[in-house]
Amino acid sequence: QVQLVESGGGLAQPGGSLTLSCAASESLASFKTIGWYRQVPGKEREGISCIDNSDGRTLSADSVKGRFTISSDKAKNTVHLEMARLKPEDTGVYYCAAQIWCASPGMKPTAFAKWGQGTQVTVSS
């Protein structure tokens, strides 16, 4: 059973930065796609950014384009989400997810999706 473990969440000020990491228990090559979702209480889980491991193509939500960058470290079986110019509306629980739909028009979970436990990000002054 694959495990995805997120880390790096915490409190940041508006305009600040945080980097989230997702460590997979097996090779990233085992997953065609891997990415990040965000959930806010009372709202549906939102796809933030994902990467296709076969060709390195990435996809990001309009709300984070130009601010968040997803990258993968295949040697460490880890995916990172570098978050810059954070806004209060970026607050939420961030989940790492593998085997998701990562192509236009947007991210979607699949029946085979694997999820991490989530890490809280709070953006507040």
Protein backbone atom coordinates (compact mmCIF):
# COMPACT_ATOMS: atom_id res chain seq x y z
CA GLN A 1 0.00 0.00 0.00
CA VAL A 2 1.63 3.22 -1.15
CA GLN A 3 2.00 5.97 1.43
CA LEU A 4 2.20 9.69 0.79
CA VAL A 5 3.43 11.84 3.66
CA GLU A 6 3.15 15.61 3.52
CA SER A 7 5.30 18.04 5.47
CA GLY A 8 6.16 21.73 5.52
CA GLY A 9 2.83 23.26 6.46
CA GLY A 10 2.50 25.95 9.07
CA LEU A 11 1.78 29.61 9.60
CA ALA A 12 2.91 32.24 7.13
CA GLN A 13 2.26 35.94 6.77
CA PRO A 14 0.57 37.36 3.69
CA GLY A 15 3.22 37.82 1.05
CA GLY A 16 5.39 35.15 2.61
CA SER A 17 6.51 31.75 1.38
CA LEU A 18 6.25 28.11 2.35
CA THR A 19 7.42 24.91 0.72
CA LEU A 20 5.42 21.73 1.08
CA SER A 21 6.91 18.30 0.50
CA CYS A 22 5.28 14.97 -0.26
CA ALA A 23 7.38 11.89 0.34
CA ALA A 24 6.20 8.74 -1.41
CA SER A 25 6.89 5.26 -0.08
CA GLU A 26 7.77 4.04 -3.58
CA SER A 27 9.29 5.39 -6.73
CA LEU A 28 7.55 8.35 -8.35
CA ALA A 29 7.78 6.35 -11.55
CA SER A 30 5.02 4.18 -10.06
CA PHE A 31 2.60 7.08 -10.51
CA LYS A 32 1.88 8.67 -13.84
CA THR A 33 0.75 11.80 -12.07
CA ILE A 34 1.07 13.36 -8.64
CA GLY A 35 -0.04 16.69 -7.28
CA TRP A 36 -1.58 18.84 -4.59
CA TYR A 37 -5.13 19.60 -3.54
CA ARG A 38 -6.38 22.15 -1.05
CA GLN A 39 -9.46 21.89 1.12
CA VAL A 40 -11.18 24.63 3.06
CA PRO A 41 -14.00 23.83 5.52
CA GLY A 42 -17.34 23.88 3.76
CA LYS A 43 -15.85 23.72 0.28
CA GLU A 44 -14.89 20.97 -2.13
CA ARG A 45 -11.32 19.85 -2.38
CA GLU A 46 -9.62 22.02 -5.02
CA GLY A 47 -6.87 20.88 -7.36
CA ILE A 48 -3.88 23.22 -6.99
CA SER A 49 -1.01 21.85 -9.03
CA CYS A 50 0.11 18.56 -10.51
CA ILE A 51 2.92 17.02 -12.52
CA ASP A 52 2.93 14.28 -15.10
CA ASN A 53 5.92 12.09 -14.28
CA SER A 54 6.16 10.71 -17.80
CA ASP A 55 7.05 14.02 -19.42
CA GLY A 56 7.37 16.56 -16.60
CA ARG A 57 4.38 18.56 -17.79
CA THR A 58 2.72 20.56 -15.03
CA LEU A 59 -0.72 22.04 -14.54
CA SER A 60 -1.76 24.67 -12.02
CA ALA A 61 -5.00 26.28 -10.97
CA ASP A 62 -5.51 29.85 -12.15
CA SER A 63 -5.62 30.99 -8.53
CA VAL A 64 -1.98 29.99 -7.95
CA LYS A 65 -0.35 30.48 -11.37
CA GLY A 66 2.77 32.57 -11.10
CA ARG A 67 2.92 32.06 -7.33
CA PHE A 68 3.14 28.29 -6.75
CA THR A 69 5.63 25.93 -8.39
CA ILE A 70 5.48 22.16 -8.34
CA SER A 71 8.60 20.05 -8.81
CA SER A 72 9.69 16.49 -8.30
CA ASP A 73 12.87 14.93 -6.95
CA LYS A 74 12.85 11.43 -8.37
CA ALA A 75 15.98 10.43 -6.48
CA LYS A 76 14.17 11.11 -3.20
CA ASN A 77 10.68 10.07 -4.33
CA THR A 78 9.49 13.49 -3.25
CA VAL A 79 7.32 16.18 -4.77
CA HIS A 80 7.55 19.78 -3.64
CA LEU A 81 5.14 22.69 -3.81
CA GLU A 82 6.90 26.03 -3.49
CA MET A 83 4.36 28.64 -2.48
CA ALA A 84 5.25 32.31 -2.78
CA ARG A 85 3.34 35.59 -2.34
CA LEU A 86 0.91 33.78 -0.11
CA LYS A 87 -2.57 35.18 0.41
CA PRO A 88 -5.05 34.57 3.24
CA GLU A 89 -7.23 32.67 0.77
CA ASP A 90 -4.43 30.12 0.35
CA THR A 91 -5.26 28.91 3.85
CA GLY A 92 -6.42 25.31 4.01
CA VAL A 93 -5.36 21.71 4.37
CA TYR A 94 -3.08 20.67 1.54
CA TYR A 95 -3.20 17.07 0.40
CA CYS A 96 -0.74 15.21 -1.77
CA ALA A 97 -2.44 12.93 -4.27
CA ALA A 98 -1.16 10.43 -6.81
CA GLN A 99 -2.85 8.85 -9.82
CA ILE A 100 -5.02 11.86 -10.55
CA TRP A 101 -6.17 13.42 -13.81
CA CYS A 102 -3.54 16.04 -14.58
CA ALA A 103 -4.48 17.63 -17.89
CA SER A 104 -6.65 20.38 -19.29
CA PRO A 105 -9.15 21.57 -18.45
CA GLY A 106 -8.17 20.79 -14.85
CA MET A 107 -7.19 18.32 -12.17
CA LYS A 108 -9.60 15.62 -11.13
CA PRO A 109 -9.30 12.68 -8.75
CA THR A 110 -9.64 9.23 -10.25
CA ALA A 111 -10.95 5.97 -8.80
CA PHE A 112 -7.33 4.93 -8.30
CA ALA A 113 -6.19 8.10 -6.53
CA LYS A 114 -3.96 7.77 -3.48
CA TRP A 115 -4.04 10.46 -0.82
CA GLY A 116 -1.82 11.70 1.96
CA GLN A 117 -3.08 12.76 5.37
CA GLY A 118 -2.78 16.47 4.66
CA THR A 119 -0.85 19.37 6.15
CA GLN A 120 -2.35 22.62 7.39
CA VAL A 121 -1.31 25.92 5.84
CA THR A 122 -2.48 29.10 7.50
CA VAL A 123 -1.81 32.50 5.98
CA SER A 124 -2.52 35.25 8.44
CA SER A 125 -0.97 38.37 9.88
